[in-house]
C-alpha atoms as a PDB file:
ATOM      1  CA  MET A   1      -2.744   7.512  -3.456  1.00  0.00           C
ATOM      2  CA  GLN A   2      -4.547   9.491  -0.869  1.00  0.00           C
ATOM      3  CA  SER A   3      -5.327   9.291   2.813  1.00  0.00           C
ATOM      4  CA  ILE A   4      -7.355  11.593   5.004  1.00  0.00           C
ATOM      5  CA  SER A   5      -6.129  11.398   8.573  1.00  0.00           C
ATOM      6  CA  LEU A   6      -8.434  12.939  11.150  1.00  0.00           C
ATOM      7  CA  LEU A   7      -6.392  11.695  14.111  1.00  0.00           C
ATOM      8  CA  THR A   8      -2.741  10.654  14.073  1.00  0.00           C
ATOM      9  CA  LEU A   9      -1.046   9.460  17.268  1.00  0.00           C
ATOM     10  CA  THR A  10       2.656   9.016  17.966  1.00  0.00           C
ATOM     11  CA  LEU A  11       3.759   5.650  19.342  1.00  0.00           C
ATOM     12  CA  ALA A  12       7.149   4.369  20.437  1.00  0.00           C
ATOM     13  CA  ALA A  13       8.077   1.239  18.489  1.00  0.00           C
ATOM     14  CA  THR A  14       8.813  -1.725  20.747  1.00  0.00           C
ATOM     15  CA  ALA A  15       9.803  -3.802  17.693  1.00  0.00           C
ATOM     16  CA  ALA A  16      10.606  -2.978  14.069  1.00  0.00           C
ATOM     17  CA  ILE A  17       7.580  -1.499  12.263  1.00  0.00           C
ATOM     18  CA  SER A  18       7.027  -1.331   8.514  1.00  0.00           C
ATOM     19  CA  ALA A  19       5.185   1.556   6.865  1.00  0.00           C
ATOM     20  CA  GLY A  20       1.597   0.927   5.836  1.00  0.00           C
ATOM     21  CA  ARG A  21       0.904  -1.871   8.318  1.00  0.00           C
ATOM     22  CA  PHE A  22      -1.752  -2.286  10.974  1.00  0.00           C
ATOM     23  CA  THR A  23      -0.248  -1.577  14.383  1.00  0.00           C
ATOM     24  CA  ALA A  24      -1.213  -2.315  17.961  1.00  0.00           C
ATOM     25  CA  GLY A  25      -1.296   0.226  20.771  1.00  0.00           C
ATOM     26  CA  ASN A  26       1.809  -1.287  22.368  1.00  0.00           C
ATOM     27  CA  GLY A  27       4.060  -0.184  19.482  1.00  0.00           C
ATOM     28  CA  THR A  28       4.182  -3.502  17.631  1.00  0.00           C
ATOM     29  CA  THR A  29       2.677  -4.839  14.419  1.00  0.00           C
ATOM     30  CA  ALA A  30      -0.922  -5.932  15.057  1.00  0.00           C
ATOM     31  CA  SER A  31      -1.529  -9.674  15.396  1.00  0.00           C
ATOM     32  CA  ALA A  32      -3.195 -11.565  12.541  1.00  0.00           C
ATOM     33  CA  GLY A  33      -6.952 -11.709  13.064  1.00  0.00           C
ATOM     34  CA  GLY A  34      -6.722  -9.344  16.033  1.00  0.00           C
ATOM     35  CA  ASN A  35      -7.574  -5.727  16.675  1.00  0.00           C
ATOM     36  CA  ALA A  36      -5.491  -2.753  15.526  1.00  0.00           C
ATOM     37  CA  LEU A  37      -5.061   0.779  16.814  1.00  0.00           C
ATOM     38  CA  GLY A  38      -4.320   2.151  13.341  1.00  0.00           C
ATOM     39  CA  VAL A  39      -1.976   2.138  10.364  1.00  0.00           C
ATOM     40  CA  SER A  40       1.715   3.109  10.546  1.00  0.00           C
ATOM     41  CA  ARG A  41       2.695   6.010   8.308  1.00  0.00           C
ATOM     42  CA  CYS A  42       6.395   5.158   8.191  1.00  0.00           C
ATOM     43  CA  SER A  43       8.865   2.479   9.172  1.00  0.00           C
ATOM     44  CA  ALA A  44      10.538   2.600  12.585  1.00  0.00           C
ATOM     45  CA  GLU A  45      13.139   0.638  14.512  1.00  0.00           C
ATOM     46  CA  ALA A  46      12.605  -0.419  18.127  1.00  0.00           C
ATOM     47  CA  GLY A  47      12.812   2.652  20.358  1.00  0.00           C
ATOM     48  CA  GLU A  48      11.900   5.140  17.626  1.00  0.00           C
ATOM     49  CA  ASP A  49       8.696   7.170  17.576  1.00  0.00           C
ATOM     50  CA  PHE A  50       6.381   6.769  14.587  1.00  0.00           C
ATOM     51  CA  PRO A  51       2.993   8.200  13.497  1.00  0.00           C
ATOM     52  CA  VAL A  52      -0.127   6.008  13.385  1.00  0.00           C
ATOM     53  CA  ASP A  53      -3.297   7.064  11.567  1.00  0.00           C
ATOM     54  CA  VAL A  54      -6.112   6.160  13.957  1.00  0.00           C
ATOM     55  CA  ILE A  55      -9.215   7.912  12.594  1.00  0.00           C
ATOM     56  CA  GLY A  56      -9.861   8.666   8.935  1.00  0.00           C
ATOM     57  CA  THR A  57      -8.470   6.848   5.910  1.00  0.00           C
ATOM     58  CA  ALA A  58      -4.974   5.440   5.503  1.00  0.00           C
ATOM     59  CA  GLN A  59      -2.788   3.632   2.980  1.00  0.00           C
ATOM     60  CA  VAL A  60      -2.179   0.016   4.023  1.00  0.00           C
ATOM     61  CA  THR A  61      -0.257  -2.809   2.356  1.00  0.00           C
ATOM     62  CA  ALA A  62      -2.410  -5.673   1.090  1.00  0.00           C
ATOM     63  CA  ALA A  63      -1.383  -9.325   1.436  1.00  0.00           C
ATOM     64  CA  GLY A  64      -3.261 -10.372  -1.704  1.00  0.00           C
ATOM     65  CA  ALA A  65      -6.319  -9.671  -3.821  1.00  0.00           C
ATOM     66  CA  ILE A  66      -8.995  -7.553  -2.097  1.00  0.00           C
ATOM     67  CA  ALA A  67     -12.169  -6.205  -3.706  1.00  0.00           C
ATOM     68  CA  ALA A  68     -13.247  -2.612  -3.157  1.00  0.00           C
ATOM     69  CA  ASP A  69     -15.720  -2.323  -0.249  1.00  0.00           C
ATOM     70  CA  ASP A  70     -14.609  -5.641   1.320  1.00  0.00           C
ATOM     71  CA  PRO A  71     -14.321  -5.723   5.114  1.00  0.00           C
ATOM     72  CA  ILE A  72     -10.653  -5.990   6.162  1.00  0.00           C
ATOM     73  CA  GLU A  73      -8.892  -7.871   8.931  1.00  0.00           C
ATOM     74  CA  VAL A  74      -5.243  -7.945   9.947  1.00  0.00           C
ATOM     75  CA  GLY A  75      -3.196 -10.588   8.133  1.00  0.00           C
ATOM     76  CA  THR A  76       0.378 -11.779   8.540  1.00  0.00           C
ATOM     77  CA  ASP A  77       2.913  -8.990   9.112  1.00  0.00           C
ATOM     78  CA  GLY A  78       0.124  -6.449   9.723  1.00  0.00           C
ATOM     79  CA  LYS A  79      -0.979  -6.510   6.081  1.00  0.00           C
ATOM     80  CA  ALA A  80      -4.625  -6.156   5.035  1.00  0.00           C
ATOM     81  CA  ILE A  81      -6.620  -9.235   4.015  1.00  0.00           C
ATOM     82  CA  THR A  82     -10.290  -9.784   3.230  1.00  0.00           C
ATOM     83  CA  LYS A  83     -12.132 -10.587   6.469  1.00  0.00           C
ATOM     84  CA  SER A  84     -12.708 -14.272   7.071  1.00  0.00           C
ATOM     85  CA  SER A  85     -12.740 -15.031  10.800  1.00  0.00           C
ATOM     86  CA  GLY A  86     -10.843 -12.215  12.514  1.00  0.00           C
ATOM     87  CA  VAL A  87     -11.846  -8.784  13.791  1.00  0.00           C
ATOM     88  CA  THR A  88     -13.005  -6.273  11.164  1.00  0.00           C
ATOM     89  CA  VAL A  89     -10.562  -3.354  11.403  1.00  0.00           C
ATOM     90  CA  ALA A  90     -11.333  -1.430   8.190  1.00  0.00           C
ATOM     91  CA  ARG A  91     -13.127  -1.412   4.838  1.00  0.00           C
ATOM     92  CA  ALA A  92     -11.328  -1.388   1.479  1.00  0.00           C
ATOM     93  CA  LEU A  93     -11.919   1.841  -0.438  1.00  0.00           C
ATOM     94  CA  GLN A  94      -9.868   0.492  -3.352  1.00  0.00           C
ATOM     95  CA  ALA A  95      -9.187  -2.935  -4.828  1.00  0.00           C
ATOM     96  CA  ALA A  96      -5.850  -4.724  -4.494  1.00  0.00           C
ATOM     97  CA  SER A  97      -4.730  -7.250  -7.073  1.00  0.00           C
ATOM     98  CA  SER A  98      -1.682  -8.755  -5.361  1.00  0.00           C
ATOM     99  CA  ASP A  99       0.563  -8.925  -2.312  1.00  0.00           C
ATOM    100  CA  GLY A 100       2.327  -5.614  -1.718  1.00  0.00           C
ATOM    101  CA  ASP A 101      -0.328  -3.381  -3.293  1.00  0.00           C
ATOM    102  CA  SER A 102      -1.077  -0.249  -1.292  1.00  0.00           C
ATOM    103  CA  ILE A 103      -4.782   0.536  -0.883  1.00  0.00           C
ATOM    104  CA  GLU A 104      -6.827   3.129   0.937  1.00  0.00           C
ATOM    105  CA  VAL A 105      -8.886   1.819   3.855  1.00  0.00           C
END
């Protein structure tokens, strides 16, 4: 697995954060279908600082099957899903076959 981070920001978690999830600028997991600031690099508890990859590529957890080159939106729990009606936040650089797969976006 690879990622090429061109810009990583540090956020303070305002709720528990899981690694490899889309995150919002307020330190929470991004809302399903909504916008995202970036992808969390590690897990964090409320009050802890954590790194977020904002520009470049990142490893994100998929919520199900995703084809390479599909547009991505935020799904439940900040996982990546194939875009249907939400905001496009990334593009899949790899395919995912099932929930929990880690793919580069």
